[in-house]
């Protein structure tokens, strides 16, 4: 069942990208495995998936030793500074860098292990108080400060669409992030802005249409989970 869902999802992504004149191979698909057992994740692994995203450090740690070592773990949820030391050597990418305080801790812990960590800056493009992320107007300042951190490699931006089913509002959020990416590329041309991480199960088609090249998909493959 999981393998079939992955095949269906990849086919949809390919169809959308073809319509947009884009290469589906350039889209990073991260399967969100929150509350998904290691056994079920293994089914996705056996279907060829390697990038998996966890919201909580503790859940990532509880699963990592139960799965093959070539799994690429993405930390996609809010990361508390006191949890950085626990996960730093296991994560391929942190999608939720949203403060200088967090950047300082990542720098400190990565430095201790002589690692350089790929990070995306999370931007709150919807203005919702319930969402984490740096406000758009503070993005440039944060990036400028993080450039002094030799153990952090900034790879792009991430956002979560607003909690609504209104297409216009969701697209506006995605358009904002794309616009910010363009501005930051011009402002910091030396950085490699590889990823625009936006789009989940309910809105990934709109995200692709607005320029996303990193999707975080869980429900479409694993079904609904209890929040």
Protein backbone atom coordinates (compact mmCIF):
# COMPACT_ATOMS: atom_id res chain seq x y z
CA UNK A 1 0.00 0.00 0.00
CA UNK A 2 2.77 2.46 0.94
CA UNK A 3 4.73 1.66 -2.23
CA UNK A 4 1.63 2.21 -4.34
CA UNK A 5 0.91 5.55 -2.65
CA UNK A 6 4.49 6.67 -3.29
CA UNK A 7 4.23 5.67 -6.95
CA UNK A 8 0.95 7.59 -7.28
CA UNK A 9 2.45 10.65 -5.60
CA UNK A 10 5.55 10.63 -7.79
CA UNK A 11 3.37 10.25 -10.88
CA UNK A 12 1.32 13.30 -9.84
CA UNK A 13 4.47 15.33 -9.23
CA UNK A 14 5.85 14.29 -12.62
CA UNK A 15 2.61 15.24 -14.38
CA UNK A 16 2.49 18.64 -12.69
CA UNK A 17 6.15 19.36 -13.42
CA UNK A 18 5.75 18.34 -17.06
CA UNK A 19 2.85 20.76 -17.39
CA UNK A 20 5.02 23.49 -15.85
CA UNK A 21 8.01 22.70 -18.05
CA UNK A 22 10.00 21.59 -15.03
CA UNK A 23 12.08 18.50 -14.29
CA UNK A 24 10.48 16.39 -11.55
CA UNK A 25 13.93 15.02 -10.68
CA UNK A 26 14.83 18.46 -9.36
CA UNK A 27 12.08 18.29 -6.72
CA UNK A 28 13.20 16.91 -3.36
CA UNK A 29 10.44 14.78 -1.86
CA UNK A 30 10.65 14.47 1.92
CA UNK A 31 8.21 11.99 3.44
CA UNK A 32 6.90 13.23 6.78
CA UNK A 33 7.02 10.32 9.21
CA UNK A 34 5.50 11.90 12.32
CA UNK A 35 3.74 9.11 14.26
CA UNK A 36 4.71 6.58 11.58
CA UNK A 37 6.32 3.36 12.81
CA UNK A 38 9.81 2.33 11.78
CA UNK A 39 8.27 -0.73 10.13
CA UNK A 40 6.07 1.43 7.90
CA UNK A 41 8.96 3.78 7.13
CA UNK A 42 10.91 0.71 6.04
CA UNK A 43 8.23 0.01 3.43
CA UNK A 44 8.81 3.49 2.01
CA UNK A 45 12.56 2.89 2.14
CA UNK A 46 12.13 -0.37 0.23
CA UNK A 47 10.14 1.59 -2.36
CA UNK A 48 13.21 3.75 -2.96
CA UNK A 49 12.66 6.67 -0.58
CA UNK A 50 15.59 7.97 1.45
CA UNK A 51 14.53 11.44 2.69
CA UNK A 52 12.30 11.37 5.76
CA UNK A 53 11.14 14.30 7.88
CA UNK A 54 10.45 14.36 11.59
CA UNK A 55 8.84 17.15 13.61
CA UNK A 56 10.27 16.10 16.96
CA UNK A 57 13.85 15.26 17.87
CA UNK A 58 12.81 12.51 20.27
CA UNK A 59 10.84 10.71 17.59
CA UNK A 60 13.74 10.92 15.17
CA UNK A 61 16.11 9.48 17.76
CA UNK A 62 13.74 6.62 18.56
CA UNK A 63 13.62 5.51 14.91
CA UNK A 64 17.09 6.17 13.50
CA UNK A 65 18.69 2.95 14.77
CA UNK A 66 15.78 0.86 13.49
CA UNK A 67 16.38 1.92 9.89
CA UNK A 68 19.29 1.66 7.43
CA UNK A 69 22.17 4.11 7.87
CA UNK A 70 21.69 5.74 4.46
CA UNK A 71 18.36 7.28 5.51
CA UNK A 72 18.50 11.08 5.24
CA UNK A 73 16.74 12.60 8.25
CA UNK A 74 15.26 16.08 7.87
CA UNK A 75 14.22 18.00 11.00
CA UNK A 76 11.14 19.89 9.81
CA UNK A 77 9.48 20.90 13.08
CA UNK A 78 10.30 23.67 15.52
CA UNK A 79 13.70 22.98 17.06
CA UNK A 80 14.30 24.00 20.65
CA UNK A 81 17.85 25.05 21.44
CA UNK A 82 18.17 22.46 24.21
CA UNK A 83 17.46 19.67 21.68
CA UNK A 84 20.13 20.67 19.17
CA UNK A 85 22.92 18.70 20.82
CA UNK A 86 20.82 15.53 20.72
CA UNK A 87 20.15 15.55 16.98
CA UNK A 88 22.99 17.48 15.38
CA UNK A 89 25.00 14.49 14.17
CA UNK A 90 21.99 12.67 12.74
CA UNK A 91 20.26 15.32 10.64
CA UNK A 92 20.84 15.87 6.93
CA UNK A 93 19.03 19.19 6.95
CA UNK A 94 17.25 21.44 9.45
CA UNK A 95 14.25 23.12 7.78
CA UNK A 96 13.28 25.30 10.75
CA UNK A 97 16.09 27.74 11.52
CA UNK A 98 14.16 30.79 12.69
CA UNK A 99 16.27 32.76 15.16
CA UNK A 100 19.83 33.85 15.83
CA UNK A 101 19.65 32.08 19.20
CA UNK A 102 18.99 28.78 17.46
CA UNK A 103 21.69 29.47 14.87
CA UNK A 104 24.19 30.14 17.66
CA UNK A 105 23.38 26.79 19.28
CA UNK A 106 23.59 24.88 15.99
CA UNK A 107 26.95 26.54 15.36
CA UNK A 108 28.17 25.62 18.83
CA UNK A 109 27.10 21.98 18.72
CA UNK A 110 28.12 21.41 15.09
CA UNK A 111 31.49 22.96 15.83
CA UNK A 112 32.09 20.50 18.66
CA UNK A 113 31.67 17.62 16.20
CA UNK A 114 33.39 19.38 13.29
CA UNK A 115 30.20 19.24 11.21
CA UNK A 116 28.65 21.68 8.77
CA UNK A 117 24.86 21.54 8.87
CA UNK A 118 22.59 22.35 5.93
CA UNK A 119 19.78 24.64 7.09
CA UNK A 120 16.73 26.33 5.65
CA UNK A 121 15.44 29.53 7.20
CA UNK A 122 11.79 29.16 8.17
CA UNK A 123 9.72 32.23 7.32
CA UNK A 124 6.28 32.97 8.74
CA UNK A 125 4.63 34.08 5.51
CA UNK A 126 1.06 33.89 6.80
CA UNK A 127 1.44 36.16 9.81
CA UNK A 128 -0.36 33.61 11.99
CA UNK A 129 0.67 33.85 15.64
CA UNK A 130 0.49 30.07 15.94
CA UNK A 131 3.23 29.61 13.34
CA UNK A 132 6.95 29.61 13.99
CA UNK A 133 9.31 31.35 11.59
CA UNK A 134 11.07 34.65 11.16
CA UNK A 135 8.87 37.53 9.94
CA UNK A 136 9.62 38.44 6.30
CA UNK A 137 10.91 41.86 7.30
CA UNK A 138 13.51 40.29 9.63
CA UNK A 139 14.79 37.70 7.16
CA UNK A 140 17.67 39.66 5.66
CA UNK A 141 19.02 40.62 9.07
CA UNK A 142 18.95 37.01 10.28
CA UNK A 143 20.69 35.72 7.16
CA UNK A 144 23.35 38.41 7.48
CA UNK A 145 24.05 37.30 11.06
CA UNK A 146 24.09 33.59 10.22
CA UNK A 147 26.70 34.13 7.51
CA UNK A 148 29.24 34.47 10.32
CA UNK A 149 28.54 30.88 11.41
CA UNK A 150 31.07 28.63 9.70
CA UNK A 151 29.31 25.40 10.69
CA UNK A 152 25.97 26.36 9.10
CA UNK A 153 25.38 26.14 5.36
CA UNK A 154 22.27 28.08 4.34
CA UNK A 155 20.51 26.23 1.53
CA UNK A 156 17.24 28.09 1.13
CA UNK A 157 13.91 29.00 2.69
CA UNK A 158 10.94 27.12 4.14
CA UNK A 159 7.38 28.07 4.98
CA UNK A 160 4.14 26.43 6.06
CA UNK A 161 1.00 27.63 4.32
CA UNK A 162 -1.82 29.19 6.35
CA UNK A 163 -4.32 26.98 8.14
CA UNK A 164 -7.09 27.40 5.58
CA UNK A 165 -8.47 25.72 2.48
CA UNK A 166 -8.61 29.00 0.59
CA UNK A 167 -6.41 28.66 -2.46
CA UNK A 168 -5.78 32.40 -2.77
CA UNK A 169 -4.45 32.69 0.80
CA UNK A 170 -2.23 29.63 0.45
CA UNK A 171 -0.85 30.78 -2.89
CA UNK A 172 -0.18 34.24 -1.44
CA UNK A 173 1.94 32.65 1.27
CA UNK A 174 3.92 30.67 -1.30
CA UNK A 175 4.32 33.70 -3.58
CA UNK A 176 5.73 35.64 -0.64
CA UNK A 177 8.40 33.01 -0.02
CA UNK A 178 9.33 32.86 -3.71
CA UNK A 179 9.63 36.64 -3.79
CA UNK A 180 11.81 36.58 -0.68
CA UNK A 181 14.02 33.92 -2.25
CA UNK A 182 14.55 36.13 -5.30
CA UNK A 183 15.38 39.13 -3.13
CA UNK A 184 17.80 37.16 -0.96
CA UNK A 185 19.49 35.69 -4.04
CA UNK A 186 20.15 39.23 -5.21
CA UNK A 187 21.21 40.40 -1.77
CA UNK A 188 23.47 37.41 -1.02
CA UNK A 189 24.64 36.13 -4.43
CA UNK A 190 27.42 34.00 -2.92
CA UNK A 191 24.89 31.71 -1.23
CA UNK A 192 23.58 28.64 -3.03
CA UNK A 193 19.80 28.96 -2.71
CA UNK A 194 19.11 25.34 -3.59
CA UNK A 195 15.76 24.83 -1.88
CA UNK A 196 12.39 26.48 -1.64
CA UNK A 197 10.64 24.17 0.83
CA UNK A 198 6.89 24.64 0.70
CA UNK A 199 3.97 22.37 -0.01
CA UNK A 200 2.39 19.49 1.89
CA UNK A 201 -0.19 16.84 1.02
CA UNK A 202 -3.12 19.26 0.71
CA UNK A 203 -1.39 22.02 -1.26
CA UNK A 204 1.70 20.67 -3.01
CA UNK A 205 0.31 21.25 -6.52
CA UNK A 206 -0.11 24.95 -5.79
CA UNK A 207 3.34 24.99 -4.18
CA UNK A 208 4.94 23.49 -7.29
CA UNK A 209 3.14 26.04 -9.45
CA UNK A 210 4.55 28.82 -7.24
CA UNK A 211 8.13 27.53 -7.51
CA UNK A 212 8.65 24.97 -4.75
CA UNK A 213 11.36 22.37 -5.27
CA UNK A 214 11.08 20.67 -1.88
CA UNK A 215 7.83 19.03 -0.76
CA UNK A 216 7.06 17.71 2.73
CA UNK A 217 4.43 15.00 2.25
CA UNK A 218 2.98 12.71 4.89
CA UNK A 219 -0.77 12.18 4.75
CA UNK A 220 -0.86 11.43 1.01
CA UNK A 221 1.38 8.41 1.64
CA UNK A 222 0.77 7.34 5.23
CA UNK A 223 -2.81 8.53 5.76
CA UNK A 224 -4.24 10.74 8.49
CA UNK A 225 -2.59 10.61 11.88
CA UNK A 226 -3.83 11.77 15.26
CA UNK A 227 -2.41 15.20 16.04
